[in-house]
């Protein structure tokens, strides 16, 4: 098991951020260094950013961690590389940030098949 996990399979963090769609390019530029740093953490097993095709300016980040919700809140989300991103993007938000935590299920309920554009 990972760091203080309540689930032996890890924790999935889902973050929803809605920004003014006119700021999308600047938002993604500010996000990239924090995304890269978080993705490189040894406890991070998966990271992907999604854009809501039905709601311009809304993004969902999905990150799977070999760690507990408590560790994510108390340790990971306090890391310094998030501050420049938050400082740059918080003025762009048009809705409050939404964090959701899910316990991951056993590997029989997991599949990743990378096909198509990976750019």
PDB file of N, CA and C in Angstrom:
ATOM      1  N   UNK A   1       0.834  -1.185   0.000  1.00  0.00           N
ATOM      2  CA  UNK A   1       0.000   0.000   0.000  1.00  0.00           C
ATOM      3  C   UNK A   1       0.869   1.235   0.000  1.00  0.00           C
ATOM      4  N   UNK A   2       0.318   2.315  -0.541  1.00  0.00           N
ATOM      5  CA  UNK A   2       1.033   3.582  -0.610  1.00  0.00           C
ATOM      6  C   UNK A   2       0.924   4.367   0.684  1.00  0.00           C
ATOM      7  N   UNK A   3       1.273   5.608   0.627  1.00  0.00           N
ATOM      8  CA  UNK A   3       1.356   6.487   1.784  1.00  0.00           C
ATOM      9  C   UNK A   3      -0.015   6.671   2.438  1.00  0.00           C
ATOM     10  N   UNK A   4      -0.219   6.058   3.616  1.00  0.00           N
ATOM     11  CA  UNK A   4      -1.424   6.242   4.420  1.00  0.00           C
ATOM     12  C   UNK A   4      -2.734   5.989   3.698  1.00  0.00           C
ATOM     13  N   UNK A   5      -2.752   5.064   2.776  1.00  0.00           N
ATOM     14  CA  UNK A   5      -3.942   4.888   1.941  1.00  0.00           C
ATOM     15  C   UNK A   5      -5.074   4.188   2.673  1.00  0.00           C
ATOM     16  N   UNK A   6      -6.297   4.686   2.440  1.00  0.00           N
ATOM     17  CA  UNK A   6      -7.478   4.006   2.944  1.00  0.00           C
ATOM     18  C   UNK A   6      -7.891   2.907   1.969  1.00  0.00           C
ATOM     19  N   UNK A   7      -7.531   3.058   0.708  1.00  0.00           N
ATOM     20  CA  UNK A   7      -7.773   2.042  -0.306  1.00  0.00           C
ATOM     21  C   UNK A   7      -6.436   1.440  -0.686  1.00  0.00           C
ATOM     22  N   UNK A   8      -6.362   0.140  -0.761  1.00  0.00           N
ATOM     23  CA  UNK A   8      -5.087  -0.488  -1.110  1.00  0.00           C
ATOM     24  C   UNK A   8      -4.701  -0.236  -2.567  1.00  0.00           C
ATOM     25  N   UNK A   9      -5.605   0.352  -3.352  1.00  0.00           N
ATOM     26  CA  UNK A   9      -5.336   0.575  -4.770  1.00  0.00           C
ATOM     27  C   UNK A   9      -5.049   2.026  -5.117  1.00  0.00           C
ATOM     28  N   UNK A  10      -5.113   2.918  -4.143  1.00  0.00           N
ATOM     29  CA  UNK A  10      -4.774   4.313  -4.378  1.00  0.00           C
ATOM     30  C   UNK A  10      -5.985   5.231  -4.393  1.00  0.00           C
ATOM     31  N   UNK A  11      -5.690   6.487  -4.623  1.00  0.00           N
ATOM     32  CA  UNK A  11      -6.701   7.540  -4.614  1.00  0.00           C
ATOM     33  C   UNK A  11      -6.683   8.253  -5.956  1.00  0.00           C
ATOM     34  N   UNK A  12      -7.848   8.530  -6.477  1.00  0.00           N
ATOM     35  CA  UNK A  12      -7.973   9.300  -7.710  1.00  0.00           C
ATOM     36  C   UNK A  12      -8.519  10.673  -7.351  1.00  0.00           C
ATOM     37  N   UNK A  13      -7.780  11.693  -7.728  1.00  0.00           N
ATOM     38  CA  UNK A  13      -8.167  13.085  -7.480  1.00  0.00           C
ATOM     39  C   UNK A  13      -8.720  13.664  -8.775  1.00  0.00           C
ATOM     40  N   UNK A  14      -9.939  14.197  -8.700  1.00  0.00           N
ATOM     41  CA  UNK A  14     -10.584  14.831  -9.853  1.00  0.00           C
ATOM     42  C   UNK A  14     -10.781  16.304  -9.506  1.00  0.00           C
ATOM     43  N   UNK A  15     -10.210  17.170 -10.314  1.00  0.00           N
ATOM     44  CA  UNK A  15     -10.271  18.608 -10.084  1.00  0.00           C
ATOM     45  C   UNK A  15     -11.017  19.233 -11.255  1.00  0.00           C
ATOM     46  N   UNK A  16     -12.029  20.022 -10.951  1.00  0.00           N
ATOM     47  CA  UNK A  16     -12.760  20.736 -11.998  1.00  0.00           C
ATOM     48  C   UNK A  16     -12.518  22.224 -11.812  1.00  0.00           C
ATOM     49  N   UNK A  17     -12.075  22.853 -12.889  1.00  0.00           N
ATOM     50  CA  UNK A  17     -11.831  24.295 -12.892  1.00  0.00           C
ATOM     51  C   UNK A  17     -12.547  24.882 -14.093  1.00  0.00           C
ATOM     52  N   UNK A  18     -13.276  25.964 -13.856  1.00  0.00           N
ATOM     53  CA  UNK A  18     -13.956  26.660 -14.947  1.00  0.00           C
ATOM     54  C   UNK A  18     -13.412  28.076 -15.018  1.00  0.00           C
ATOM     55  N   UNK A  19     -12.898  28.406 -16.189  1.00  0.00           N
ATOM     56  CA  UNK A  19     -12.299  29.721 -16.417  1.00  0.00           C
ATOM     57  C   UNK A  19     -13.068  30.447 -17.513  1.00  0.00           C
ATOM     58  N   UNK A  20     -12.799  31.726 -17.622  1.00  0.00           N
ATOM     59  CA  UNK A  20     -13.313  32.482 -18.763  1.00  0.00           C
ATOM     60  C   UNK A  20     -12.664  31.877 -20.013  1.00  0.00           C
ATOM     61  N   UNK A  21     -13.451  31.384 -20.968  1.00  0.00           N
ATOM     62  CA  UNK A  21     -12.890  30.717 -22.146  1.00  0.00           C
ATOM     63  C   UNK A  21     -11.874  31.568 -22.922  1.00  0.00           C
ATOM     64  N   UNK A  22     -11.965  32.879 -22.800  1.00  0.00           N
ATOM     65  CA  UNK A  22     -10.999  33.741 -23.500  1.00  0.00           C
ATOM     66  C   UNK A  22      -9.592  33.588 -22.944  1.00  0.00           C
ATOM     67  N   UNK A  23      -9.463  32.996 -21.752  1.00  0.00           N
ATOM     68  CA  UNK A  23      -8.161  32.832 -21.104  1.00  0.00           C
ATOM     69  C   UNK A  23      -7.574  31.437 -21.259  1.00  0.00           C
ATOM     70  N   UNK A  24      -8.161  30.626 -22.108  1.00  0.00           N
ATOM     71  CA  UNK A  24      -7.744  29.222 -22.203  1.00  0.00           C
ATOM     72  C   UNK A  24      -6.258  29.050 -22.505  1.00  0.00           C
ATOM     73  N   UNK A  25      -5.726  29.755 -23.475  1.00  0.00           N
ATOM     74  CA  UNK A  25      -4.316  29.592 -23.837  1.00  0.00           C
ATOM     75  C   UNK A  25      -3.403  29.968 -22.674  1.00  0.00           C
ATOM     76  N   UNK A  26      -3.663  31.096 -22.026  1.00  0.00           N
ATOM     77  CA  UNK A  26      -2.849  31.520 -20.882  1.00  0.00           C
ATOM     78  C   UNK A  26      -2.988  30.527 -19.726  1.00  0.00           C
ATOM     79  N   UNK A  27      -4.198  30.006 -19.519  1.00  0.00           N
ATOM     80  CA  UNK A  27      -4.436  29.018 -18.470  1.00  0.00           C
ATOM     81  C   UNK A  27      -3.583  27.774 -18.697  1.00  0.00           C
ATOM     82  N   UNK A  28      -3.618  27.243 -19.907  1.00  0.00           N
ATOM     83  CA  UNK A  28      -2.860  26.026 -20.204  1.00  0.00           C
ATOM     84  C   UNK A  28      -1.350  26.267 -20.112  1.00  0.00           C
ATOM     85  N   UNK A  29      -0.898  27.435 -20.505  1.00  0.00           N
ATOM     86  CA  UNK A  29       0.528  27.752 -20.370  1.00  0.00           C
ATOM     87  C   UNK A  29       0.941  27.803 -18.898  1.00  0.00           C
ATOM     88  N   UNK A  30       0.103  28.380 -18.048  1.00  0.00           N
ATOM     89  CA  UNK A  30       0.405  28.448 -16.618  1.00  0.00           C
ATOM     90  C   UNK A  30       0.318  27.068 -15.973  1.00  0.00           C
ATOM     91  N   UNK A  31      -0.585  26.228 -16.462  1.00  0.00           N
ATOM     92  CA  UNK A  31      -0.777  24.888 -15.911  1.00  0.00           C
ATOM     93  C   UNK A  31       0.400  23.960 -16.200  1.00  0.00           C
ATOM     94  N   UNK A  32       0.995  24.065 -17.366  1.00  0.00           N
ATOM     95  CA  UNK A  32       1.966  23.061 -17.831  1.00  0.00           C
ATOM     96  C   UNK A  32       3.108  22.795 -16.850  1.00  0.00           C
ATOM     97  N   UNK A  33       3.786  23.801 -16.275  1.00  0.00           N
ATOM     98  CA  UNK A  33       4.874  23.477 -15.328  1.00  0.00           C
ATOM     99  C   UNK A  33       4.382  22.725 -14.089  1.00  0.00           C
ATOM    100  N   UNK A  34       3.233  23.085 -13.546  1.00  0.00           N
ATOM    101  CA  UNK A  34       2.696  22.386 -12.377  1.00  0.00           C
ATOM    102  C   UNK A  34       2.257  20.968 -12.756  1.00  0.00           C
ATOM    103  N   UNK A  35       1.644  20.825 -13.916  1.00  0.00           N
ATOM    104  CA  UNK A  35       1.244  19.508 -14.406  1.00  0.00           C
ATOM    105  C   UNK A  35       2.453  18.598 -14.544  1.00  0.00           C
ATOM    106  N   UNK A  36       3.509  19.115 -15.158  1.00  0.00           N
ATOM    107  CA  UNK A  36       4.732  18.321 -15.349  1.00  0.00           C
ATOM    108  C   UNK A  36       5.358  17.928 -14.010  1.00  0.00           C
ATOM    109  N   UNK A  37       5.410  18.867 -13.066  1.00  0.00           N
ATOM    110  CA  UNK A  37       6.009  18.587 -11.753  1.00  0.00           C
ATOM    111  C   UNK A  37       5.195  17.553 -10.987  1.00  0.00           C
ATOM    112  N   UNK A  38       3.876  17.711 -10.964  1.00  0.00           N
ATOM    113  CA  UNK A  38       3.022  16.752 -10.250  1.00  0.00           C
ATOM    114  C   UNK A  38       3.080  15.376 -10.905  1.00  0.00           C
ATOM    115  N   UNK A  39       3.104  15.348 -12.228  1.00  0.00           N
ATOM    116  CA  UNK A  39       3.166  14.076 -12.955  1.00  0.00           C
ATOM    117  C   UNK A  39       4.465  13.326 -12.686  1.00  0.00           C
ATOM    118  N   UNK A  40       5.525  14.057 -12.352  1.00  0.00           N
ATOM    119  CA  UNK A  40       6.833  13.449 -12.096  1.00  0.00           C
ATOM    120  C   UNK A  40       6.982  12.924 -10.668  1.00  0.00           C
ATOM    121  N   UNK A  41       6.025  13.218  -9.798  1.00  0.00           N
ATOM    122  CA  UNK A  41       6.106  12.736  -8.412  1.00  0.00           C
ATOM    123  C   UNK A  41       6.027  11.207  -8.400  1.00  0.00           C
ATOM    124  N   UNK A  42       6.838  10.557  -7.565  1.00  0.00           N
ATOM    125  CA  UNK A  42       6.843   9.082  -7.570  1.00  0.00           C
ATOM    126  C   UNK A  42       5.509   8.462  -7.179  1.00  0.00           C
ATOM    127  N   UNK A  43       4.692   9.154  -6.412  1.00  0.00           N
ATOM    128  CA  UNK A  43       3.392   8.615  -6.001  1.00  0.00           C
ATOM    129  C   UNK A  43       2.326   8.760  -7.083  1.00  0.00           C
ATOM    130  N   UNK A  44       2.600   9.578  -8.106  1.00  0.00           N
ATOM    131  CA  UNK A  44       1.629   9.824  -9.174  1.00  0.00           C
ATOM    132  C   UNK A  44       1.722   8.692 -10.189  1.00  0.00           C
ATOM    133  N   UNK A  45       0.594   8.027 -10.434  1.00  0.00           N
ATOM    134  CA  UNK A  45       0.584   6.916 -11.379  1.00  0.00           C
ATOM    135  C   UNK A  45      -0.142   7.242 -12.682  1.00  0.00           C
ATOM    136  N   UNK A  46      -0.858   8.379 -12.705  1.00  0.00           N
ATOM    137  CA  UNK A  46      -1.596   8.759 -13.915  1.00  0.00           C
ATOM    138  C   UNK A  46      -1.997  10.218 -13.796  1.00  0.00           C
ATOM    139  N   UNK A  47      -1.858  10.966 -14.888  1.00  0.00           N
ATOM    140  CA  UNK A  47      -2.335  12.358 -14.945  1.00  0.00           C
ATOM    141  C   UNK A  47      -2.869  12.628 -16.336  1.00  0.00           C
ATOM    142  N   UNK A  48      -4.023  13.276 -16.405  1.00  0.00           N
ATOM    143  CA  UNK A  48      -4.550  13.708 -17.694  1.00  0.00           C
ATOM    144  C   UNK A  48      -5.467  14.902 -17.469  1.00  0.00           C
ATOM    145  N   UNK A  49      -5.433  15.821 -18.426  1.00  0.00           N
ATOM    146  CA  UNK A  49      -6.289  17.009 -18.398  1.00  0.00           C
ATOM    147  C   UNK A  49      -7.315  16.861 -19.512  1.00  0.00           C
ATOM    148  N   UNK A  50      -8.562  17.190 -19.187  1.00  0.00           N
ATOM    149  CA  UNK A  50      -9.661  17.106 -20.145  1.00  0.00           C
ATOM    150  C   UNK A  50     -10.318  18.477 -20.291  1.00  0.00           C
ATOM    151  N   UNK A  51     -10.825  18.753 -21.479  1.00  0.00           N
ATOM    152  CA  UNK A  51     -11.593  19.978 -21.740  1.00  0.00           C
ATOM    153  C   UNK A  51     -13.038  19.559 -21.990  1.00  0.00           C
ATOM    154  N   UNK A  52     -13.979  20.216 -21.326  1.00  0.00           N
ATOM    155  CA  UNK A  52     -15.396  19.906 -21.492  1.00  0.00           C
ATOM    156  C   UNK A  52     -15.877  20.486 -22.823  1.00  0.00           C
ATOM    157  N   UNK A  53     -16.251  19.614 -23.735  1.00  0.00           N
ATOM    158  CA  UNK A  53     -16.688  20.066 -25.062  1.00  0.00           C
ATOM    159  C   UNK A  53     -18.059  20.738 -25.033  1.00  0.00           C
ATOM    160  N   UNK A  54     -18.809  20.542 -23.949  1.00  0.00           N
ATOM    161  CA  UNK A  54     -20.136  21.150 -23.833  1.00  0.00           C
ATOM    162  C   UNK A  54     -20.145  22.433 -23.004  1.00  0.00           C
ATOM    163  N   UNK A  55     -19.038  22.733 -22.336  1.00  0.00           N
ATOM    164  CA  UNK A  55     -18.988  23.917 -21.490  1.00  0.00           C
ATOM    165  C   UNK A  55     -17.629  24.600 -21.694  1.00  0.00           C
ATOM    166  N   UNK A  56     -17.543  25.561 -22.601  1.00  0.00           N
ATOM    167  CA  UNK A  56     -16.270  26.227 -22.880  1.00  0.00           C
ATOM    168  C   UNK A  56     -15.649  26.792 -21.594  1.00  0.00           C
ATOM    169  N   UNK A  57     -14.351  26.558 -21.470  1.00  0.00           N
ATOM    170  CA  UNK A  57     -13.612  27.060 -20.318  1.00  0.00           C
ATOM    171  C   UNK A  57     -13.570  26.110 -19.135  1.00  0.00           C
ATOM    172  N   UNK A  58     -14.245  24.977 -19.225  1.00  0.00           N
ATOM    173  CA  UNK A  58     -14.215  24.030 -18.103  1.00  0.00           C
ATOM    174  C   UNK A  58     -13.224  22.904 -18.386  1.00  0.00           C
ATOM    175  N   UNK A  59     -12.377  22.651 -17.381  1.00  0.00           N
ATOM    176  CA  UNK A  59     -11.357  21.614 -17.469  1.00  0.00           C
ATOM    177  C   UNK A  59     -11.499  20.670 -16.291  1.00  0.00           C
ATOM    178  N   UNK A  60     -11.172  19.416 -16.529  1.00  0.00           N
ATOM    179  CA  UNK A  60     -11.106  18.422 -15.457  1.00  0.00           C
ATOM    180  C   UNK A  60      -9.716  17.813 -15.503  1.00  0.00           C
ATOM    181  N   UNK A  61      -9.081  17.759 -14.338  1.00  0.00           N
ATOM    182  CA  UNK A  61      -7.801  17.084 -14.187  1.00  0.00           C
ATOM    183  C   UNK A  61      -8.089  15.788 -13.447  1.00  0.00           C
ATOM    184  N   UNK A  62      -7.558  14.689 -13.936  1.00  0.00           N
ATOM    185  CA  UNK A  62      -7.673  13.412 -13.253  1.00  0.00           C
ATOM    186  C   UNK A  62      -6.264  12.938 -12.953  1.00  0.00           C
ATOM    187  N   UNK A  63      -6.018  12.703 -11.671  1.00  0.00           N
ATOM    188  CA  UNK A  63      -4.709  12.246 -11.218  1.00  0.00           C
ATOM    189  C   UNK A  63      -4.913  11.034 -10.316  1.00  0.00           C
ATOM    190  N   UNK A  64      -4.197   9.964 -10.584  1.00  0.00           N
ATOM    191  CA  UNK A  64      -4.226   8.789  -9.727  1.00  0.00           C
ATOM    192  C   UNK A  64      -2.942   8.760  -8.918  1.00  0.00           C
ATOM    193  N   UNK A  65      -3.101   8.500  -7.625  1.00  0.00           N
ATOM    194  CA  UNK A  65      -1.985   8.566  -6.685  1.00  0.00           C
ATOM    195  C   UNK A  65      -1.908   7.304  -5.846  1.00  0.00           C
ATOM    196  N   UNK A  66      -0.688   6.879  -5.584  1.00  0.00           N
ATOM    197  CA  UNK A  66      -0.422   5.792  -4.664  1.00  0.00           C
ATOM    198  C   UNK A  66      -0.265   6.409  -3.275  1.00  0.00           C
ATOM    199  N   UNK A  67      -1.352   7.018  -2.789  1.00  0.00           N
ATOM    200  CA  UNK A  67      -1.345   7.758  -1.527  1.00  0.00           C
ATOM    201  C   UNK A  67      -2.792   7.979  -1.085  1.00  0.00           C
ATOM    202  N   UNK A  68      -2.954   8.415   0.153  1.00  0.00           N
ATOM    203  CA  UNK A  68      -4.282   8.656   0.702  1.00  0.00           C
ATOM    204  C   UNK A  68      -4.779  10.059   0.391  1.00  0.00           C
ATOM    205  N   UNK A  69      -6.072  10.245   0.562  1.00  0.00           N
ATOM    206  CA  UNK A  69      -6.672  11.578   0.438  1.00  0.00           C
ATOM    207  C   UNK A  69      -6.007  12.541   1.403  1.00  0.00           C
ATOM    208  N   UNK A  70      -5.788  12.095   2.629  1.00  0.00           N
ATOM    209  CA  UNK A  70      -5.173  12.956   3.645  1.00  0.00           C
ATOM    210  C   UNK A  70      -3.769  13.390   3.226  1.00  0.00           C
ATOM    211  N   UNK A  71      -2.979  12.455   2.698  1.00  0.00           N
ATOM    212  CA  UNK A  71      -1.618  12.790   2.243  1.00  0.00           C
ATOM    213  C   UNK A  71      -1.685  13.785   1.083  1.00  0.00           C
ATOM    214  N   UNK A  72      -2.624  13.569   0.170  1.00  0.00           N
ATOM    215  CA  UNK A  72      -2.761  14.500  -0.953  1.00  0.00           C
ATOM    216  C   UNK A  72      -3.044  15.913  -0.452  1.00  0.00           C
ATOM    217  N   UNK A  73      -3.974  16.044   0.492  1.00  0.00           N
ATOM    218  CA  UNK A  73      -4.340  17.362   1.016  1.00  0.00           C
ATOM    219  C   UNK A  73      -3.205  17.972   1.840  1.00  0.00           C
ATOM    220  N   UNK A  74      -2.631  17.189   2.738  1.00  0.00           N
ATOM    221  CA  UNK A  74      -1.652  17.710   3.688  1.00  0.00           C
ATOM    222  C   UNK A  74      -0.247  17.850   3.133  1.00  0.00           C
ATOM    223  N   UNK A  75       0.112  17.040   2.146  1.00  0.00           N
ATOM    224  CA  UNK A  75       1.482  17.051   1.618  1.00  0.00           C
ATOM    225  C   UNK A  75       1.516  17.488   0.154  1.00  0.00           C
ATOM    226  N   UNK A  76       0.907  16.711  -0.713  1.00  0.00           N
ATOM    227  CA  UNK A  76       1.047  16.955  -2.146  1.00  0.00           C
ATOM    228  C   UNK A  76       0.507  18.312  -2.578  1.00  0.00           C
ATOM    229  N   UNK A  77      -0.703  18.635  -2.165  1.00  0.00           N
ATOM    230  CA  UNK A  77      -1.306  19.887  -2.629  1.00  0.00           C
ATOM    231  C   UNK A  77      -0.669  21.127  -2.001  1.00  0.00           C
ATOM    232  N   UNK A  78       0.266  20.939  -1.081  1.00  0.00           N
ATOM    233  CA  UNK A  78       0.978  22.063  -0.464  1.00  0.00           C
ATOM    234  C   UNK A  78       2.316  22.348  -1.145  1.00  0.00           C
ATOM    235  N   UNK A  79       2.687  21.574  -2.136  1.00  0.00           N
ATOM    236  CA  UNK A  79       3.996  21.722  -2.783  1.00  0.00           C
ATOM    237  C   UNK A  79       4.093  23.064  -3.500  1.00  0.00           C
ATOM    238  N   UNK A  80       5.281  23.630  -3.444  1.00  0.00           N
ATOM    239  CA  UNK A  80       5.520  24.979  -3.944  1.00  0.00           C
ATOM    240  C   UNK A  80       5.272  25.195  -5.414  1.00  0.00           C
ATOM    241  N   UNK A  81       5.366  24.166  -6.218  1.00  0.00           N
ATOM    242  CA  UNK A  81       5.176  24.377  -7.659  1.00  0.00           C
ATOM    243  C   UNK A  81       3.738  24.663  -8.040  1.00  0.00           C
ATOM    244  N   UNK A  82       2.790  24.500  -7.127  1.00  0.00           N
ATOM    245  CA  UNK A  82       1.399  24.863  -7.419  1.00  0.00           C
ATOM    246  C   UNK A  82       1.152  26.372  -7.277  1.00  0.00           C
ATOM    247  N   UNK A  83       1.959  27.055  -6.469  1.00  0.00           N
ATOM    248  CA  UNK A  83       1.709  28.475  -6.177  1.00  0.00           C
ATOM    249  C   UNK A  83       1.756  29.363  -7.426  1.00  0.00           C
ATOM    250  N   UNK A  84       2.803  29.300  -8.256  1.00  0.00           N
ATOM    251  CA  UNK A  84       2.796  30.155  -9.458  1.00  0.00           C
ATOM    252  C   UNK A  84       1.596  29.888 -10.368  1.00  0.00           C
ATOM    253  N   UNK A  85       1.221  28.614 -10.474  1.00  0.00           N
ATOM    254  CA  UNK A  85       0.052  28.252 -11.276  1.00  0.00           C
ATOM    255  C   UNK A  85      -1.220  28.863 -10.676  1.00  0.00           C
ATOM    256  N   UNK A  86      -1.406  28.687  -9.378  1.00  0.00           N
ATOM    257  CA  UNK A  86      -2.613  29.206  -8.719  1.00  0.00           C
ATOM    258  C   UNK A  86      -2.664  30.726  -8.784  1.00  0.00           C
ATOM    259  N   UNK A  87      -1.532  31.372  -8.542  1.00  0.00           N
ATOM    260  CA  UNK A  87      -1.490  32.838  -8.592  1.00  0.00           C
ATOM    261  C   UNK A  87      -1.851  33.357  -9.986  1.00  0.00           C
ATOM    262  N   UNK A  88      -1.374  32.654 -11.014  1.00  0.00           N
ATOM    263  CA  UNK A  88      -1.626  33.101 -12.393  1.00  0.00           C
ATOM    264  C   UNK A  88      -3.050  32.801 -12.853  1.00  0.00           C
ATOM    265  N   UNK A  89      -3.625  31.708 -12.377  1.00  0.00           N
ATOM    266  CA  UNK A  89      -4.918  31.285 -12.931  1.00  0.00           C
ATOM    267  C   UNK A  89      -6.128  31.637 -12.069  1.00  0.00           C
ATOM    268  N   UNK A  90      -5.947  31.808 -10.779  1.00  0.00           N
ATOM    269  CA  UNK A  90      -7.108  32.083  -9.910  1.00  0.00           C
ATOM    270  C   UNK A  90      -7.947  33.263 -10.421  1.00  0.00           C
ATOM    271  N   UNK A  91      -7.345  34.357 -10.912  1.00  0.00           N
ATOM    272  CA  UNK A  91      -8.176  35.450 -11.440  1.00  0.00           C
ATOM    273  C   UNK A  91      -8.998  35.058 -12.679  1.00  0.00           C
ATOM    274  N   UNK A  92      -8.641  33.952 -13.330  1.00  0.00           N
ATOM    275  CA  UNK A  92      -9.365  33.494 -14.515  1.00  0.00           C
ATOM    276  C   UNK A  92     -10.605  32.680 -14.157  1.00  0.00           C
ATOM    277  N   UNK A  93     -10.674  32.156 -12.928  1.00  0.00           N
ATOM    278  CA  UNK A  93     -11.766  31.268 -12.530  1.00  0.00           C
ATOM    279  C   UNK A  93     -13.089  32.023 -12.526  1.00  0.00           C
ATOM    280  N   UNK A  94     -14.117  31.396 -13.073  1.00  0.00           N
ATOM    281  CA  UNK A  94     -15.450  31.997 -13.026  1.00  0.00           C
ATOM    282  C   UNK A  94     -16.398  31.156 -12.165  1.00  0.00           C
ATOM    283  N   UNK A  95     -15.903  30.035 -11.658  1.00  0.00           N
ATOM    284  CA  UNK A  95     -16.629  29.195 -10.709  1.00  0.00           C
ATOM    285  C   UNK A  95     -15.624  28.701  -9.675  1.00  0.00           C
ATOM    286  N   UNK A  96     -16.082  28.358  -8.485  1.00  0.00           N
ATOM    287  CA  UNK A  96     -15.146  27.829  -7.483  1.00  0.00           C
ATOM    288  C   UNK A  96     -14.503  26.518  -7.942  1.00  0.00           C
ATOM    289  N   UNK A  97     -13.285  26.322  -7.547  1.00  0.00           N
ATOM    290  CA  UNK A  97     -12.555  25.081  -7.786  1.00  0.00           C
ATOM    291  C   UNK A  97     -13.303  23.933  -7.108  1.00  0.00           C
ATOM    292  N   UNK A  98     -13.356  22.788  -7.755  1.00  0.00           N
ATOM    293  CA  UNK A  98     -14.023  21.621  -7.183  1.00  0.00           C
ATOM    294  C   UNK A  98     -13.030  20.467  -7.116  1.00  0.00           C
ATOM    295  N   UNK A  99     -12.820  19.926  -5.916  1.00  0.00           N
ATOM    296  CA  UNK A  99     -11.956  18.764  -5.705  1.00  0.00           C
ATOM    297  C   UNK A  99     -12.820  17.581  -5.314  1.00  0.00           C
ATOM    298  N   UNK A 100     -12.583  16.429  -5.931  1.00  0.00           N
ATOM    299  CA  UNK A 100     -13.276  15.201  -5.576  1.00  0.00           C
ATOM    300  C   UNK A 100     -12.241  14.099  -5.440  1.00  0.00           C
ATOM    301  N   UNK A 101     -12.404  13.266  -4.425  1.00  0.00           N
ATOM    302  CA  UNK A 101     -11.483  12.166  -4.161  1.00  0.00           C
ATOM    303  C   UNK A 101     -12.241  10.849  -4.282  1.00  0.00           C
ATOM    304  N   UNK A 102     -11.632   9.906  -4.992  1.00  0.00           N
ATOM    305  CA  UNK A 102     -12.230   8.591  -5.177  1.00  0.00           C
ATOM    306  C   UNK A 102     -11.220   7.526  -4.790  1.00  0.00           C
ATOM    307  N   UNK A 103     -11.684   6.470  -4.122  1.00  0.00           N
ATOM    308  CA  UNK A 103     -10.845   5.301  -3.876  1.00  0.00           C
ATOM    309  C   UNK A 103     -10.818   4.489  -5.159  1.00  0.00           C
ATOM    310  N   UNK A 104      -9.618   4.112  -5.569  1.00  0.00           N
ATOM    311  CA  UNK A 104      -9.499   3.285  -6.763  1.00  0.00           C
ATOM    312  C   UNK A 104      -9.892   1.852  -6.441  1.00  0.00           C
ATOM    313  N   UNK A 105     -10.474   1.189  -7.413  1.00  0.00           N
ATOM    314  CA  UNK A 105     -10.888  -0.201  -7.284  1.00  0.00           C
ATOM    315  C   UNK A 105      -9.762  -1.120  -7.756  1.00  0.00           C
ATOM    316  N   UNK A 106      -9.903  -2.422  -7.546  1.00  0.00           N
ATOM    317  CA  UNK A 106      -8.851  -3.367  -7.948  1.00  0.00           C
ATOM    318  C   UNK A 106      -8.536  -3.261  -9.447  1.00  0.00           C
ATOM    319  N   UNK A 107      -7.349  -3.713  -9.829  1.00  0.00           N
ATOM    320  CA  UNK A 107      -6.925  -3.625 -11.230  1.00  0.00           C
ATOM    321  C   UNK A 107      -7.858  -4.286 -12.238  1.00  0.00           C
ATOM    322  N   UNK A 108      -8.715  -5.206 -11.811  1.00  0.00           N
ATOM    323  CA  UNK A 108      -9.653  -5.810 -12.771  1.00  0.00           C
ATOM    324  C   UNK A 108     -10.633  -4.774 -13.307  1.00  0.00           C
ATOM    325  N   UNK A 109     -10.695  -3.601 -12.655  1.00  0.00           N
ATOM    326  CA  UNK A 109     -11.561  -2.512 -13.108  1.00  0.00           C
ATOM    327  C   UNK A 109     -10.747  -1.360 -13.692  1.00  0.00           C
ATOM    328  N   UNK A 110      -9.581  -1.645 -14.235  1.00  0.00           N
ATOM    329  CA  UNK A 110      -8.702  -0.615 -14.793  1.00  0.00           C
ATOM    330  C   UNK A 110      -8.235  -1.066 -16.166  1.00  0.00           C
ATOM    331  N   UNK A 111      -8.280  -0.151 -17.087  1.00  0.00           N
ATOM    332  CA  UNK A 111      -7.746  -0.416 -18.420  1.00  0.00           C
ATOM    333  C   UNK A 111      -7.301   0.886 -19.045  1.00  0.00           C
ATOM    334  N   UNK A 112      -6.120   0.902 -19.593  1.00  0.00           N
ATOM    335  CA  UNK A 112      -5.630   2.053 -20.348  1.00  0.00           C
ATOM    336  C   UNK A 112      -5.129   1.508 -21.666  1.00  0.00           C
ATOM    337  N   UNK A 113      -5.720   1.975 -22.723  1.00  0.00           N
ATOM    338  CA  UNK A 113      -5.319   1.559 -24.069  1.00  0.00           C
ATOM    339  C   UNK A 113      -4.990   2.824 -24.847  1.00  0.00           C
ATOM    340  N   UNK A 114      -3.715   3.107 -25.000  1.00  0.00           N
ATOM    341  CA  UNK A 114      -3.283   4.321 -25.685  1.00  0.00           C
ATOM    342  C   UNK A 114      -3.315   4.081 -27.188  1.00  0.00           C
ATOM    343  N   UNK A 115      -4.228   4.769 -27.843  1.00  0.00           N
ATOM    344  CA  UNK A 115      -4.364   4.654 -29.291  1.00  0.00           C
ATOM    345  C   UNK A 115      -4.753   6.028 -29.810  1.00  0.00           C
ATOM    346  N   UNK A 116      -4.297   6.358 -30.977  1.00  0.00           N
ATOM    347  CA  UNK A 116      -4.644   7.636 -31.563  1.00  0.00           C
ATOM    348  C   UNK A 116      -3.637   8.714 -31.191  1.00  0.00           C
ATOM    349  N   UNK A 117      -4.016   9.981 -31.295  1.00  0.00           N
ATOM    350  CA  UNK A 117      -3.084  11.078 -31.077  1.00  0.00           C
ATOM    351  C   UNK A 117      -2.523  11.061 -29.660  1.00  0.00           C
ATOM    352  N   UNK A 118      -1.228  11.170 -29.545  1.00  0.00           N
ATOM    353  CA  UNK A 118      -0.584  11.231 -28.240  1.00  0.00           C
ATOM    354  C   UNK A 118       0.230  12.507 -28.095  1.00  0.00           C
ATOM    355  N   UNK A 119       0.324  13.300 -29.156  1.00  0.00           N
ATOM    356  CA  UNK A 119       1.068  14.533 -29.243  1.00  0.00           C
ATOM    357  C   UNK A 119       1.402  15.126 -27.967  1.00  0.00           C
TER     358      UNK A 119
END
